[in-house]
Each structure stands twice: as structure tokens, then as C-alpha cells.
Protein backbone atom coordinates (compact mmCIF):
# COMPACT_ATOMS: atom_id res chain seq x y z
CA MET A 1 67.47 17.91 -85.82
CA GLN A 2 65.97 18.05 -81.88
CA ASN A 3 62.82 18.30 -81.81
CA SER A 4 61.11 20.31 -79.44
CA SER A 5 58.52 19.10 -76.82
CA ALA A 6 55.68 20.42 -74.10
CA GLY A 7 56.67 20.42 -70.81
CA LYS A 8 60.13 21.19 -71.03
CA ALA A 9 62.36 23.14 -68.78
CA SER A 10 63.10 26.39 -69.44
CA PRO A 11 66.29 26.94 -71.59
CA GLN A 12 69.68 26.61 -69.68
CA PHE A 13 72.80 28.69 -69.73
CA MET A 14 76.33 27.89 -69.05
CA THR A 15 78.07 30.93 -69.06
CA ALA A 16 82.24 30.98 -68.89
CA LYS A 17 84.25 33.74 -66.93
CA PHE A 18 85.43 36.32 -69.08
CA LEU A 19 88.77 36.70 -69.90
CA THR A 20 88.74 40.34 -69.76
CA ASP A 21 87.51 42.67 -66.88
CA GLU A 22 83.93 41.39 -65.85
CA ASN A 23 82.76 44.72 -64.40
CA ASN A 24 83.55 47.04 -67.70
CA LEU A 25 80.18 46.35 -69.82
CA GLN A 26 82.08 48.41 -72.97
CA VAL A 27 84.87 46.14 -73.13
CA MET A 28 84.86 44.20 -76.57
CA ILE A 29 84.33 40.59 -76.09
CA ARG A 30 84.17 37.16 -78.28
CA ALA A 31 81.69 34.87 -77.60
CA LYS A 32 80.85 30.94 -78.77
CA ILE A 33 77.18 30.31 -78.72
CA VAL A 34 75.37 27.01 -79.09
CA ILE A 35 71.86 26.96 -79.74
CA SER A 36 69.91 23.47 -79.04
CA GLY A 37 66.11 22.49 -80.09
CA ASP A 38 63.80 23.08 -82.78
CA VAL A 39 66.04 25.77 -84.63
CA GLN A 40 66.36 24.91 -88.06
CA GLU A 41 64.50 24.99 -91.00
CA ALA A 42 62.54 27.71 -89.05
CA GLY A 43 64.26 30.88 -89.96
CA TYR A 44 66.16 31.13 -86.66
CA ARG A 45 69.55 32.10 -88.14
CA ALA A 46 68.01 35.08 -89.94
CA PHE A 47 66.38 36.19 -86.68
CA VAL A 48 69.67 35.75 -84.95
CA ARG A 49 71.50 37.74 -87.79
CA ASP A 50 68.63 40.33 -87.50
CA THR A 51 69.01 40.98 -83.98
CA ALA A 52 72.63 40.97 -83.76
CA LYS A 53 72.83 43.48 -86.70
CA LYS A 54 70.32 45.85 -84.42
CA LEU A 55 72.94 45.52 -81.50
CA GLY A 56 75.83 46.31 -83.83
CA LEU A 57 77.60 43.06 -83.43
CA VAL A 58 79.63 41.16 -85.63
CA GLY A 59 80.18 37.82 -86.97
CA PHE A 60 78.15 34.74 -88.36
CA ALA A 61 75.44 32.22 -87.37
CA GLU A 62 75.53 28.56 -89.09
CA ASN A 63 73.47 25.51 -88.89
CA MET A 64 75.54 22.45 -87.35
CA PRO A 65 74.70 18.84 -88.36
CA ASP A 66 73.66 17.70 -85.15
CA GLY A 67 70.66 19.99 -85.38
CA THR A 68 72.13 22.86 -83.71
CA VAL A 69 72.68 26.67 -84.45
CA ASN A 70 76.24 27.68 -83.85
CA VAL A 71 76.87 31.46 -83.64
CA VAL A 72 80.02 33.29 -83.08
CA CYS A 73 80.38 37.24 -82.66
CA GLU A 74 82.33 39.78 -81.14
CA GLY A 75 80.91 43.16 -79.71
CA GLU A 76 80.41 44.94 -76.56
CA LYS A 77 79.84 42.48 -73.21
CA LYS A 78 76.56 44.21 -72.65
CA LYS A 79 75.36 43.93 -75.92
CA ILE A 80 76.42 40.31 -76.39
CA GLU A 81 74.54 39.44 -73.21
CA THR A 82 71.50 40.95 -74.84
CA LEU A 83 71.71 38.97 -77.88
CA VAL A 84 71.95 35.60 -75.49
CA ASN A 85 68.65 36.79 -73.86
CA SER A 86 67.35 38.09 -77.20
CA ILE A 87 67.46 34.71 -79.28
CA LYS A 88 66.10 32.62 -76.16
CA ILE A 89 62.61 32.31 -78.24
CA LYS A 90 59.75 29.99 -78.74
CA THR A 91 57.31 30.45 -81.55
CA GLU A 92 54.90 28.57 -83.88
CA THR A 93 58.26 27.18 -85.73
CA ILE A 94 61.06 27.95 -83.21
CA ASN A 95 61.87 26.40 -79.82
CA VAL A 96 65.01 26.93 -78.20
CA GLU A 97 65.86 24.61 -75.38
CA LYS A 98 69.14 25.53 -74.55
CA ILE A 99 71.87 27.89 -74.92
CA ASP A 100 75.52 27.27 -74.10
CA ALA A 101 77.75 30.43 -74.11
CA VAL A 102 81.28 30.39 -73.94
CA PHE A 103 83.09 33.85 -73.83
CA GLU A 104 86.82 35.25 -74.82
CA ASN A 105 88.74 38.14 -75.33
CA ALA A 106 87.66 39.92 -79.02
CA THR A 107 90.23 38.83 -82.02
CA GLY A 108 88.91 41.34 -84.50
CA GLU A 109 88.40 38.89 -86.93
CA PHE A 110 84.86 40.19 -87.98
CA LYS A 111 85.95 43.72 -87.97
CA GLY A 112 84.05 45.44 -90.78
CA LYS A 113 82.30 42.05 -92.06
CA GLY A 114 79.18 42.87 -90.43
CA PHE A 115 76.92 40.20 -89.08
CA VAL A 116 75.91 37.18 -91.63
CA VAL A 117 74.43 33.93 -92.14
CA LYS A 118 77.24 31.17 -93.17
CA VAL A 119 76.60 29.25 -95.89
CA ASP A 120 78.66 26.18 -96.96
CA ASP A 121 76.74 23.69 -98.75
CA LEU A 122 74.18 25.57 -101.66
CA GLY A 123 72.11 22.57 -102.22
CA GLN A 124 71.37 21.98 -98.38
CA GLU A 125 70.52 25.94 -97.90
CA MET A 126 68.08 25.57 -100.76
CA PHE A 127 66.26 22.27 -99.17
CA GLN A 128 66.33 24.04 -95.91
CA GLY A 129 64.75 26.92 -97.29
CA TYR A 130 62.09 24.89 -99.11
CA ALA A 131 61.22 22.93 -95.70
CA THR A 132 60.84 26.33 -93.87
CA SER A 133 58.40 27.32 -96.15
CA LEU A 134 56.44 24.25 -96.18
CA LYS A 135 56.72 24.68 -92.37
CA TYR A 136 55.07 28.56 -92.59
CA PHE A 137 52.86 27.23 -95.39
CA LYS A 138 51.42 24.16 -93.03
CA ILE A 139 51.18 26.54 -89.99
CA GLY A 140 48.97 29.16 -92.62
CA TRP A 141 47.00 26.43 -93.92
CA ASP A 142 45.98 25.08 -90.08
CA LYS A 143 45.39 28.48 -89.23
CA GLN A 144 42.86 29.22 -92.45
CA ASP A 145 41.24 25.66 -91.72
CA LYS A 146 40.49 26.80 -88.00
CA MET A 147 38.92 30.06 -89.31
CA LEU A 148 36.82 28.29 -91.75
CA GLU A 149 35.87 25.64 -89.08
CA LYS A 150 34.95 28.98 -86.72
CA GLN A 151 33.08 30.63 -89.55
CA ASP A 152 31.00 27.40 -90.13
CA LYS A 153 29.85 27.20 -86.97
CA MET A 154 28.93 31.14 -86.55
CA LEU A 155 26.76 30.17 -89.78
CA GLU A 156 25.22 27.12 -88.27
CA LYS A 157 24.48 29.49 -84.99
CA GLN A 158 22.93 32.22 -87.37
CA ASP A 159 20.81 29.59 -89.25
CA LYS A 160 20.01 28.29 -85.74
CA MET A 161 18.69 31.63 -84.50
CA ASN A 162 16.88 32.42 -88.02
CA GLN A 163 15.40 29.20 -87.35
CA ASP A 164 13.99 30.18 -83.88
CA MET A 165 13.47 33.53 -85.06
CA ASN A 166 10.86 32.22 -87.91
CA LYS A 167 9.29 29.73 -85.54
CA ASN A 168 8.61 32.54 -83.06
CA LEU A 169 7.03 34.75 -86.02
CA ASN A 170 4.92 31.72 -86.71
CA GLN A 171 3.59 31.42 -83.23
CA LEU A 172 3.06 35.03 -83.05
CA ASN A 173 1.22 35.25 -85.98
CA ASN A 174 -0.89 31.90 -84.94
CA THR A 175 -1.53 33.87 -82.24
CA LEU A 176 -2.74 37.18 -83.54
CA THR A 177 -4.90 34.97 -86.47
CA GLY A 178 -6.62 33.43 -83.33
CA PHE A 179 -7.16 36.56 -81.43
CA ARG A 180 -9.00 37.69 -84.26
CA ASP A 181 -11.03 34.98 -85.19
CA GLU A 182 -12.16 35.05 -81.45
CA THR A 183 -12.78 38.67 -81.39
CA LYS A 184 -14.91 38.59 -84.67
CA THR A 185 -16.95 35.59 -82.83
CA GLU A 186 -17.32 37.75 -80.23
CA PHE A 187 -18.78 40.55 -81.79
CA GLN A 188 -21.03 38.39 -84.10
CA THR A 189 -22.26 36.83 -80.84
CA VAL A 190 -22.80 40.16 -79.18
CA LYS A 191 -24.74 41.70 -82.36
CA THR A 192 -27.02 38.67 -82.27
CA ASP A 193 -27.92 39.10 -79.02
CA TYR A 194 -28.27 42.89 -79.28
CA GLY A 195 -30.79 42.05 -82.21
CA LYS A 196 -32.74 39.61 -80.28
CA ILE A 197 -33.29 42.00 -77.17
CA SER A 198 -34.34 44.98 -79.46
CA GLN A 199 -37.09 42.54 -80.79
CA ASP A 200 -38.41 41.83 -77.37
CA LEU A 201 -38.06 45.36 -75.92
CA GLY A 202 -40.32 46.47 -79.35
CA LYS A 203 -42.70 43.38 -78.04
CA ALA A 204 -42.67 44.67 -74.88
CA VAL A 205 -43.83 48.07 -76.10
CA ASP A 206 -46.33 46.98 -78.07
CA SER A 207 -47.91 45.20 -75.24
CA ILE A 208 -47.66 47.91 -73.03
CA ASN A 209 -49.44 50.33 -75.46
CA THR A 210 -52.12 47.53 -75.90
CA ILE A 211 -52.84 47.43 -72.17
CA ALA A 212 -52.49 51.38 -71.88
CA LYS A 213 -55.43 51.67 -74.66
CA SER A 214 -57.72 48.82 -72.80
CA ILE A 215 -57.24 50.76 -69.78
CA GLU A 216 -58.48 54.16 -71.53
CA LYS A 217 -61.53 52.43 -72.74
CA LEU A 218 -62.47 51.07 -69.95
CA ALA A 219 -62.24 54.32 -68.05
CA GLU A 220 -64.29 55.98 -70.73
CA ALA A 221 -67.12 53.42 -70.22
CA ILE A 222 -67.06 53.81 -66.48
CA ALA A 223 -67.58 57.57 -67.18
CA LYS A 224 -70.23 57.09 -69.35
CA LYS A 225 -72.17 55.19 -66.49
């Protein structure tokens, strides 16, 4: 099988001259198409078949021993040209690197037969079906691993956010506790100072009263003389 690789040029096309009227897009023609690249064990023939059926074309698609896919079909020129452009795809499992197409006059060979996937060796088909399933399973598994890895990163980020939040809450709690203790101490200090001031004021009033009584007695003594 030919393997696809990154950085390769876009698919190339080789188109022979039509043996019929090239300007008549509705003329019936026959096309022999060879698709190269990573196109086997990937469900590519089924894709070609479904595309051809939607376009109303008849013929077949088959795997070749050299790793290519061979398509022979008949139908309107415009629709066959659409088919050639539509099957030039690149997906997770398929990579079309080159399409060679030769066009001839239609023979009517496939009239009433539809478009099918040609099967020669049932054992080989079963093996290719298994290989295709395995390829898609691996892609799904890899996607699941990436999703789990992404989920783990999100959980780690959430844990860190929770830790930071708890740290901030602890800091806030410590700050509020300190403020409460400092405020309580200040109030106790103010209360103590206020009591001392009250006592001093009481003593001053008593002294003033004593002086006043002494002055009053002195005044009475002076008056008697």
C-alpha cells in the first residue's frame, strides 16, 4: 500500500481528450480512474460508491494489488467530472495523492447495474474490513486519550484554583481575626484610660470642694472680727 506523508503536493490529474463532443456536458461517457495514496483499508471504495450513486453514475470501484483504487464508470460528462473532484479527499484515514483519469465513449456495459464495490477475494475483503475497523478504532482510542488528558488538565487547574481560593480565605480569616484582636485590645486600653481619668477628675473635685470650704470658713472668721 502507498502511504501518505505530510508536505506532499496536491493531487495531480491526467485527463485524456474526450472521444465525444467535449462541449456537450450531457453526453454519456466512460471513465477509467486510478486513485493513488492511502486509499485502501480506509472505507474509501464505499465513499466512492456512495458519491457515484448520488450522481446517478453506474460502474464499480475495486482495490488493486499495488495499493491503488480502480474506478470504471459511465454517465454524463459533467457528473463524472464532479465525481473526480469529489473523491479527491484527505481525512484521518484517507489521503488521496493522485488521480489519473482516461475518458472514452460509453459502452452501456453497466446499464441497470448501478454502482458497486467490486469484490474478488472474500477472505481478502474480510481482512481489509478488519484492518479498516482497527484503523478507526485506533483513531477513536487516540481521541479518547486526548479527551482524558484534557480532562485531567482541567481537573488539575480546578484543584489549583481551589487551593488558591482556600489560601486566600485563610489569609482573609487571619486578617479579620487580627483586626478583631487589635480592636478588642484598643477598646480595653480606652476603657482603662477612661477609668483612670474619671478617678483623677473625682479627686480634683474633692480638692476643689475642700478649698471652697476652707475659703468659706476664712470668710466667716474675717466677718466676725
